Amino acid sequence: MITKEEEAVFENELQKLTTECRECLDTSLKKKIEDDALWLQAIIFSTSGRKP
């Protein structure tokens, strides 16, 4: 279980990754960013009980 503070940090990082992904022109790097964002999103939603 993660704390509310950790969840807030993860959500902030997810927003940063989403923005970075939108601005990225390198296809292979964009895929890695998308993978990281999906992993982080899974962590946030699995521990908070919310739906994506």
Protein backbone atom coordinates (compact mmCIF):
# COMPACT_ATOMS: atom_id res chain seq x y z
CA MET A 1 0.00 0.00 0.00
CA ILE A 2 1.27 3.47 -0.83
CA THR A 3 0.61 6.60 1.17
CA LYS A 4 -1.42 9.53 -0.13
CA GLU A 5 1.80 11.53 -0.40
CA GLU A 6 3.45 8.82 -2.51
CA GLU A 7 0.35 8.57 -4.66
CA ALA A 8 0.47 12.34 -5.26
CA VAL A 9 4.14 12.09 -6.30
CA PHE A 10 3.37 9.19 -8.65
CA GLU A 11 0.48 11.09 -10.22
CA ASN A 12 2.71 14.12 -10.73
CA GLU A 13 5.35 11.94 -12.38
CA LEU A 14 2.67 10.36 -14.57
CA GLN A 15 1.64 13.83 -15.76
CA LYS A 16 5.27 14.64 -16.56
CA LEU A 17 5.67 11.39 -18.51
CA THR A 18 2.47 12.05 -20.44
CA THR A 19 3.65 15.52 -21.42
CA GLU A 20 7.11 14.22 -22.33
CA CYS A 21 5.56 11.49 -24.46
CA ARG A 22 3.41 13.97 -26.38
CA GLU A 23 6.43 16.14 -27.15
CA CYS A 24 8.82 13.30 -28.02
CA LEU A 25 9.71 12.85 -31.69
CA ASP A 26 11.92 9.76 -31.29
CA THR A 27 9.70 6.71 -31.82
CA SER A 28 11.76 4.26 -29.77
CA LEU A 29 12.12 6.70 -26.88
CA LYS A 30 8.40 7.49 -27.06
CA LYS A 31 7.61 3.77 -26.71
CA LYS A 32 9.80 3.54 -23.60
CA ILE A 33 8.10 6.58 -22.10
CA GLU A 34 4.67 5.07 -22.86
CA ASP A 35 5.72 1.80 -21.19
CA ASP A 36 6.90 3.68 -18.10
CA ALA A 37 3.67 5.68 -17.98
CA LEU A 38 1.55 2.53 -18.26
CA TRP A 39 3.54 0.84 -15.49
CA LEU A 40 3.21 3.86 -13.22
CA GLN A 41 -0.50 4.15 -14.00
CA ALA A 42 -0.98 0.47 -13.10
CA ILE A 43 0.75 1.04 -9.75
CA ILE A 44 -1.36 4.10 -8.95
CA PHE A 45 -4.67 2.49 -9.81
CA SER A 46 -3.94 -0.91 -8.29
CA THR A 47 -3.06 0.59 -4.92
CA SER A 48 -5.72 3.30 -4.80
CA GLY A 49 -8.65 1.16 -5.92
CA ARG A 50 -9.57 3.73 -8.58
CA LYS A 51 -10.21 2.88 -12.20
CA PRO A 52 -7.99 4.35 -14.98
